[in-house]
Amino acid sequence: MLYVWIDTFKYFAGVPEFLTSDGWIKEEAHHFLRRSSHGTNPLALYSRHFATGNSYSIPTNDLMVGGVVSEGH
């Protein structure tokens, strides 16, 4: 399982649209926040299970704040 978290205020770079169109699930992420000198904003969280493979690319069209976490065995 891979999880991708993304800034929702300014630095999302078209990633939410791409992930949604490629079968990712938007997870409930209450209280998952990014704090900065400009304040606090929520982060979006997406997940997807991969049965095979060892790489995946996410295209961006601008600056992005986000990350990826793998839940593997």
PDB file of N, CA and C in Angstrom:
ATOM      1  N   MET A   1       0.864  -1.172   0.000  1.00  0.00           N
ATOM      2  CA  MET A   1       0.000   0.000   0.000  1.00  0.00           C
ATOM      3  C   MET A   1       0.904   1.226   0.000  1.00  0.00           C
ATOM      4  N   LEU A   2       0.568   2.167  -0.846  1.00  0.00           N
ATOM      5  CA  LEU A   2       1.251   3.462  -0.844  1.00  0.00           C
ATOM      6  C   LEU A   2       0.266   4.532  -0.394  1.00  0.00           C
ATOM      7  N   TYR A   3       0.787   5.487   0.364  1.00  0.00           N
ATOM      8  CA  TYR A   3       0.016   6.655   0.773  1.00  0.00           C
ATOM      9  C   TYR A   3       0.745   7.891   0.275  1.00  0.00           C
ATOM     10  N   VAL A   4      -0.008   8.833  -0.267  1.00  0.00           N
ATOM     11  CA  VAL A   4       0.544  10.105  -0.735  1.00  0.00           C
ATOM     12  C   VAL A   4      -0.183  11.215   0.003  1.00  0.00           C
ATOM     13  N   TRP A   5       0.592  12.117   0.611  1.00  0.00           N
ATOM     14  CA  TRP A   5      -0.020  13.284   1.237  1.00  0.00           C
ATOM     15  C   TRP A   5       0.389  14.524   0.446  1.00  0.00           C
ATOM     16  N   ILE A   6      -0.539  15.469   0.364  1.00  0.00           N
ATOM     17  CA  ILE A   6      -0.352  16.638  -0.494  1.00  0.00           C
ATOM     18  C   ILE A   6      -0.910  17.877   0.184  1.00  0.00           C
ATOM     19  N   ASP A   7      -0.178  18.977   0.059  1.00  0.00           N
ATOM     20  CA  ASP A   7      -0.665  20.280   0.497  1.00  0.00           C
ATOM     21  C   ASP A   7      -1.941  20.616  -0.281  1.00  0.00           C
ATOM     22  N   THR A   8      -2.932  21.208   0.379  1.00  0.00           N
ATOM     23  CA  THR A   8      -4.182  21.548  -0.311  1.00  0.00           C
ATOM     24  C   THR A   8      -4.361  23.044  -0.516  1.00  0.00           C
ATOM     25  N   PHE A   9      -3.439  23.848   0.010  1.00  0.00           N
ATOM     26  CA  PHE A   9      -3.622  25.303  -0.078  1.00  0.00           C
ATOM     27  C   PHE A   9      -3.043  25.875  -1.360  1.00  0.00           C
ATOM     28  N   LYS A  10      -1.757  25.646  -1.598  1.00  0.00           N
ATOM     29  CA  LYS A  10      -1.111  26.287  -2.738  1.00  0.00           C
ATOM     30  C   LYS A  10      -0.211  25.342  -3.534  1.00  0.00           C
ATOM     31  N   TYR A  11       0.477  24.467  -2.846  1.00  0.00           N
ATOM     32  CA  TYR A  11       1.520  23.663  -3.488  1.00  0.00           C
ATOM     33  C   TYR A  11       1.067  22.227  -3.755  1.00  0.00           C
ATOM     34  N   PHE A  12       0.036  22.070  -4.597  1.00  0.00           N
ATOM     35  CA  PHE A  12      -0.471  20.731  -4.895  1.00  0.00           C
ATOM     36  C   PHE A  12      -0.164  20.270  -6.309  1.00  0.00           C
ATOM     37  N   ALA A  13       0.236  21.167  -7.196  1.00  0.00           N
ATOM     38  CA  ALA A  13       0.816  20.872  -8.513  1.00  0.00           C
ATOM     39  C   ALA A  13       0.005  19.944  -9.409  1.00  0.00           C
ATOM     40  N   GLY A  14      -1.316  19.960  -9.276  1.00  0.00           N
ATOM     41  CA  GLY A  14      -2.157  19.113 -10.117  1.00  0.00           C
ATOM     42  C   GLY A  14      -2.185  17.651  -9.712  1.00  0.00           C
ATOM     43  N   VAL A  15      -1.528  17.311  -8.608  1.00  0.00           N
ATOM     44  CA  VAL A  15      -1.423  15.909  -8.191  1.00  0.00           C
ATOM     45  C   VAL A  15      -2.766  15.309  -7.768  1.00  0.00           C
ATOM     46  N   PRO A  16      -3.635  16.000  -7.026  1.00  0.00           N
ATOM     47  CA  PRO A  16      -4.916  15.392  -6.664  1.00  0.00           C
ATOM     48  C   PRO A  16      -5.736  14.930  -7.879  1.00  0.00           C
ATOM     49  N   GLU A  17      -5.763  15.740  -8.904  1.00  0.00           N
ATOM     50  CA  GLU A  17      -6.511  15.372 -10.109  1.00  0.00           C
ATOM     51  C   GLU A  17      -5.909  14.124 -10.764  1.00  0.00           C
ATOM     52  N   PHE A  18      -4.584  14.079 -10.833  1.00  0.00           N
ATOM     53  CA  PHE A  18      -3.922  12.916 -11.431  1.00  0.00           C
ATOM     54  C   PHE A  18      -4.216  11.652 -10.630  1.00  0.00           C
ATOM     55  N   LEU A  19      -4.041  11.718  -9.308  1.00  0.00           N
ATOM     56  CA  LEU A  19      -4.246  10.526  -8.486  1.00  0.00           C
ATOM     57  C   LEU A  19      -5.684  10.029  -8.573  1.00  0.00           C
ATOM     58  N   THR A  20      -6.638  10.941  -8.515  1.00  0.00           N
ATOM     59  CA  THR A  20      -8.047  10.557  -8.609  1.00  0.00           C
ATOM     60  C   THR A  20      -8.336   9.876  -9.942  1.00  0.00           C
ATOM     61  N   SER A  21      -7.797  10.410 -11.018  1.00  0.00           N
ATOM     62  CA  SER A  21      -8.046   9.836 -12.343  1.00  0.00           C
ATOM     63  C   SER A  21      -7.320   8.512 -12.545  1.00  0.00           C
ATOM     64  N   ASP A  22      -6.322   8.208 -11.697  1.00  0.00           N
ATOM     65  CA  ASP A  22      -5.550   6.972 -11.844  1.00  0.00           C
ATOM     66  C   ASP A  22      -5.925   5.920 -10.793  1.00  0.00           C
ATOM     67  N   GLY A  23      -7.082   6.077 -10.163  1.00  0.00           N
ATOM     68  CA  GLY A  23      -7.595   5.037  -9.280  1.00  0.00           C
ATOM     69  C   GLY A  23      -7.206   5.118  -7.817  1.00  0.00           C
ATOM     70  N   TRP A  24      -6.590   6.213  -7.398  1.00  0.00           N
ATOM     71  CA  TRP A  24      -6.238   6.367  -5.990  1.00  0.00           C
ATOM     72  C   TRP A  24      -7.493   6.717  -5.195  1.00  0.00           C
ATOM     73  N   ILE A  25      -7.502   6.337  -3.922  1.00  0.00           N
ATOM     74  CA  ILE A  25      -8.628   6.609  -3.033  1.00  0.00           C
ATOM     75  C   ILE A  25      -8.263   7.765  -2.115  1.00  0.00           C
ATOM     76  N   LYS A  26      -9.146   8.760  -2.045  1.00  0.00           N
ATOM     77  CA  LYS A  26      -8.927   9.868  -1.110  1.00  0.00           C
ATOM     78  C   LYS A  26      -9.394   9.415   0.267  1.00  0.00           C
ATOM     79  N   GLU A  27      -8.491   9.443   1.216  1.00  0.00           N
ATOM     80  CA  GLU A  27      -8.768   8.997   2.581  1.00  0.00           C
ATOM     81  C   GLU A  27      -9.244  10.159   3.445  1.00  0.00           C
ATOM     82  N   GLU A  28      -9.992   9.821   4.476  1.00  0.00           N
ATOM     83  CA  GLU A  28     -10.350  10.817   5.477  1.00  0.00           C
ATOM     84  C   GLU A  28      -9.078  11.180   6.230  1.00  0.00           C
ATOM     85  N   ALA A  29      -8.804  12.437   6.373  1.00  0.00           N
ATOM     86  CA  ALA A  29      -7.563  12.867   7.022  1.00  0.00           C
ATOM     87  C   ALA A  29      -7.828  14.054   7.948  1.00  0.00           C
ATOM     88  N   HIS A  30      -8.829  13.905   8.799  1.00  0.00           N
ATOM     89  CA  HIS A  30      -9.150  14.977   9.740  1.00  0.00           C
ATOM     90  C   HIS A  30      -7.939  15.261  10.630  1.00  0.00           C
ATOM     91  N   HIS A  31      -7.660  16.489  10.839  1.00  0.00           N
ATOM     92  CA  HIS A  31      -6.575  16.945  11.715  1.00  0.00           C
ATOM     93  C   HIS A  31      -5.182  16.616  11.174  1.00  0.00           C
ATOM     94  N   PHE A  32      -5.085  16.273   9.878  1.00  0.00           N
ATOM     95  CA  PHE A  32      -3.777  16.077   9.240  1.00  0.00           C
ATOM     96  C   PHE A  32      -3.422  17.417   8.619  1.00  0.00           C
ATOM     97  N   LEU A  33      -2.553  18.185   9.293  1.00  0.00           N
ATOM     98  CA  LEU A  33      -2.337  19.583   8.947  1.00  0.00           C
ATOM     99  C   LEU A  33      -0.879  19.889   8.682  1.00  0.00           C
ATOM    100  N   ARG A  34      -0.665  20.937   7.911  1.00  0.00           N
ATOM    101  CA  ARG A  34       0.666  21.492   7.686  1.00  0.00           C
ATOM    102  C   ARG A  34       0.717  22.869   8.323  1.00  0.00           C
ATOM    103  N   ARG A  35       1.671  23.062   9.171  1.00  0.00           N
ATOM    104  CA  ARG A  35       1.844  24.369   9.812  1.00  0.00           C
ATOM    105  C   ARG A  35       3.030  25.074   9.168  1.00  0.00           C
ATOM    106  N   SER A  36       2.863  26.348   8.905  1.00  0.00           N
ATOM    107  CA  SER A  36       3.945  27.145   8.323  1.00  0.00           C
ATOM    108  C   SER A  36       3.868  28.548   8.895  1.00  0.00           C
ATOM    109  N   SER A  37       4.764  29.395   8.458  1.00  0.00           N
ATOM    110  CA  SER A  37       4.741  30.780   8.923  1.00  0.00           C
ATOM    111  C   SER A  37       3.495  31.523   8.445  1.00  0.00           C
ATOM    112  N   HIS A  38       2.794  30.954   7.449  1.00  0.00           N
ATOM    113  CA  HIS A  38       1.578  31.577   6.917  1.00  0.00           C
ATOM    114  C   HIS A  38       0.317  31.043   7.576  1.00  0.00           C
ATOM    115  N   GLY A  39       0.465  30.093   8.501  1.00  0.00           N
ATOM    116  CA  GLY A  39      -0.699  29.541   9.185  1.00  0.00           C
ATOM    117  C   GLY A  39      -0.768  28.029   9.055  1.00  0.00           C
ATOM    118  N   THR A  40      -1.977  27.516   9.151  1.00  0.00           N
ATOM    119  CA  THR A  40      -2.220  26.072   9.112  1.00  0.00           C
ATOM    120  C   THR A  40      -3.191  25.760   7.987  1.00  0.00           C
ATOM    121  N   ASN A  41      -2.906  24.690   7.247  1.00  0.00           N
ATOM    122  CA  ASN A  41      -3.848  24.258   6.221  1.00  0.00           C
ATOM    123  C   ASN A  41      -3.907  22.729   6.187  1.00  0.00           C
ATOM    124  N   PRO A  42      -5.051  22.184   5.784  1.00  0.00           N
ATOM    125  CA  PRO A  42      -5.189  20.741   5.755  1.00  0.00           C
ATOM    126  C   PRO A  42      -4.362  20.103   4.637  1.00  0.00           C
ATOM    127  N   LEU A  43      -3.997  18.860   4.856  1.00  0.00           N
ATOM    128  CA  LEU A  43      -3.311  18.059   3.847  1.00  0.00           C
ATOM    129  C   LEU A  43      -4.275  17.000   3.337  1.00  0.00           C
ATOM    130  N   ALA A  44      -4.176  16.688   2.056  1.00  0.00           N
ATOM    131  CA  ALA A  44      -4.978  15.613   1.471  1.00  0.00           C
ATOM    132  C   ALA A  44      -4.178  14.318   1.562  1.00  0.00           C
ATOM    133  N   LEU A  45      -4.871  13.208   1.755  1.00  0.00           N
ATOM    134  CA  LEU A  45      -4.235  11.903   1.858  1.00  0.00           C
ATOM    135  C   LEU A  45      -4.907  10.938   0.890  1.00  0.00           C
ATOM    136  N   TYR A  46      -4.086  10.277   0.061  1.00  0.00           N
ATOM    137  CA  TYR A  46      -4.569   9.312  -0.922  1.00  0.00           C
ATOM    138  C   TYR A  46      -3.877   7.977  -0.692  1.00  0.00           C
ATOM    139  N   SER A  47      -4.559   6.879  -1.054  1.00  0.00           N
ATOM    140  CA  SER A  47      -3.955   5.559  -0.905  1.00  0.00           C
ATOM    141  C   SER A  47      -4.250   4.704  -2.138  1.00  0.00           C
ATOM    142  N   ARG A  48      -3.366   3.719  -2.336  1.00  0.00           N
ATOM    143  CA  ARG A  48      -3.564   2.776  -3.435  1.00  0.00           C
ATOM    144  C   ARG A  48      -2.750   1.519  -3.151  1.00  0.00           C
ATOM    145  N   HIS A  49      -3.363   0.380  -3.408  1.00  0.00           N
ATOM    146  CA  HIS A  49      -2.683  -0.908  -3.244  1.00  0.00           C
ATOM    147  C   HIS A  49      -2.081  -1.321  -4.584  1.00  0.00           C
ATOM    148  N   PHE A  50      -0.839  -1.746  -4.546  1.00  0.00           N
ATOM    149  CA  PHE A  50      -0.160  -2.261  -5.730  1.00  0.00           C
ATOM    150  C   PHE A  50       0.224  -3.710  -5.463  1.00  0.00           C
ATOM    151  N   ALA A  51      -0.246  -4.624  -6.301  1.00  0.00           N
ATOM    152  CA  ALA A  51       0.072  -6.047  -6.136  1.00  0.00           C
ATOM    153  C   ALA A  51       1.439  -6.378  -6.732  1.00  0.00           C
ATOM    154  N   THR A  52       1.858  -5.617  -7.744  1.00  0.00           N
ATOM    155  CA  THR A  52       3.142  -5.868  -8.398  1.00  0.00           C
ATOM    156  C   THR A  52       3.817  -4.546  -8.711  1.00  0.00           C
ATOM    157  N   GLY A  53       5.068  -4.635  -9.096  1.00  0.00           N
ATOM    158  CA  GLY A  53       5.804  -3.447  -9.518  1.00  0.00           C
ATOM    159  C   GLY A  53       6.724  -2.941  -8.433  1.00  0.00           C
ATOM    160  N   ASN A  54       7.668  -2.088  -8.854  1.00  0.00           N
ATOM    161  CA  ASN A  54       8.598  -1.524  -7.884  1.00  0.00           C
ATOM    162  C   ASN A  54       8.845  -0.037  -8.107  1.00  0.00           C
ATOM    163  N   SER A  55       8.033   0.599  -8.967  1.00  0.00           N
ATOM    164  CA  SER A  55       8.148   2.048  -9.145  1.00  0.00           C
ATOM    165  C   SER A  55       6.812   2.610  -9.628  1.00  0.00           C
ATOM    166  N   TYR A  56       6.637   3.899  -9.388  1.00  0.00           N
ATOM    167  CA  TYR A  56       5.427   4.601  -9.805  1.00  0.00           C
ATOM    168  C   TYR A  56       5.784   6.075  -9.926  1.00  0.00           C
ATOM    169  N   SER A  57       5.340   6.721 -10.962  1.00  0.00           N
ATOM    170  CA  SER A  57       5.633   8.140 -11.181  1.00  0.00           C
ATOM    171  C   SER A  57       4.371   8.970 -11.047  1.00  0.00           C
ATOM    172  N   ILE A  58       4.509  10.106 -10.401  1.00  0.00           N
ATOM    173  CA  ILE A  58       3.412  11.059 -10.254  1.00  0.00           C
ATOM    174  C   ILE A  58       3.841  12.367 -10.919  1.00  0.00           C
ATOM    175  N   PRO A  59       3.215  12.726 -12.032  1.00  0.00           N
ATOM    176  CA  PRO A  59       3.593  13.975 -12.697  1.00  0.00           C
ATOM    177  C   PRO A  59       3.106  15.193 -11.913  1.00  0.00           C
ATOM    178  N   THR A  60       3.885  16.257 -11.946  1.00  0.00           N
ATOM    179  CA  THR A  60       3.500  17.521 -11.329  1.00  0.00           C
ATOM    180  C   THR A  60       3.569  18.619 -12.382  1.00  0.00           C
ATOM    181  N   ASN A  61       2.780  19.667 -12.189  1.00  0.00           N
ATOM    182  CA  ASN A  61       2.802  20.777 -13.140  1.00  0.00           C
ATOM    183  C   ASN A  61       3.201  22.103 -12.490  1.00  0.00           C
ATOM    184  N   ASP A  62       3.689  22.024 -11.255  1.00  0.00           N
ATOM    185  CA  ASP A  62       4.097  23.229 -10.531  1.00  0.00           C
ATOM    186  C   ASP A  62       4.816  22.782  -9.262  1.00  0.00           C
ATOM    187  N   LEU A  63       5.066  23.711  -8.344  1.00  0.00           N
ATOM    188  CA  LEU A  63       5.685  23.372  -7.076  1.00  0.00           C
ATOM    189  C   LEU A  63       4.740  22.527  -6.227  1.00  0.00           C
ATOM    190  N   MET A  64       5.302  21.600  -5.473  1.00  0.00           N
ATOM    191  CA  MET A  64       4.485  20.705  -4.667  1.00  0.00           C
ATOM    192  C   MET A  64       5.119  20.499  -3.297  1.00  0.00           C
ATOM    193  N   VAL A  65       4.257  20.471  -2.269  1.00  0.00           N
ATOM    194  CA  VAL A  65       4.651  20.026  -0.937  1.00  0.00           C
ATOM    195  C   VAL A  65       3.874  18.758  -0.681  1.00  0.00           C
ATOM    196  N   GLY A  66       4.573  17.669  -0.449  1.00  0.00           N
ATOM    197  CA  GLY A  66       3.918  16.393  -0.233  1.00  0.00           C
ATOM    198  C   GLY A  66       4.918  15.311   0.070  1.00  0.00           C
ATOM    199  N   GLY A  67       4.434  14.102   0.154  1.00  0.00           N
ATOM    200  CA  GLY A  67       5.306  12.977   0.435  1.00  0.00           C
ATOM    201  C   GLY A  67       4.621  11.665   0.176  1.00  0.00           C
ATOM    202  N   VAL A  68       5.408  10.597   0.255  1.00  0.00           N
ATOM    203  CA  VAL A  68       4.915   9.238   0.009  1.00  0.00           C
ATOM    204  C   VAL A  68       5.377   8.351   1.163  1.00  0.00           C
ATOM    205  N   VAL A  69       4.473   7.487   1.610  1.00  0.00           N
ATOM    206  CA  VAL A  69       4.786   6.514   2.643  1.00  0.00           C
ATOM    207  C   VAL A  69       4.358   5.155   2.134  1.00  0.00           C
ATOM    208  N   SER A  70       5.207   4.153   2.309  1.00  0.00           N
ATOM    209  CA  SER A  70       4.902   2.793   1.880  1.00  0.00           C
ATOM    210  C   SER A  70       4.580   1.936   3.092  1.00  0.00           C
ATOM    211  N   GLU A  71       3.511   1.171   2.971  1.00  0.00           N
ATOM    212  CA  GLU A  71       3.183   0.179   3.988  1.00  0.00           C
ATOM    213  C   GLU A  71       3.452  -1.181   3.359  1.00  0.00           C
ATOM    214  N   GLY A  72       4.613  -1.717   3.596  1.00  0.00           N
ATOM    215  CA  GLY A  72       5.007  -2.967   2.963  1.00  0.00           C
ATOM    216  C   GLY A  72       5.328  -4.042   3.974  1.00  0.00           C
ATOM    217  N   HIS A  73       5.464  -5.231   3.456  1.00  0.00           N
ATOM    218  CA  HIS A  73       5.800  -6.385   4.325  1.00  0.00           C
ATOM    219  C   HIS A  73       7.090  -6.986   3.847  1.00  0.00           C
TER     220      HIS A  73
END
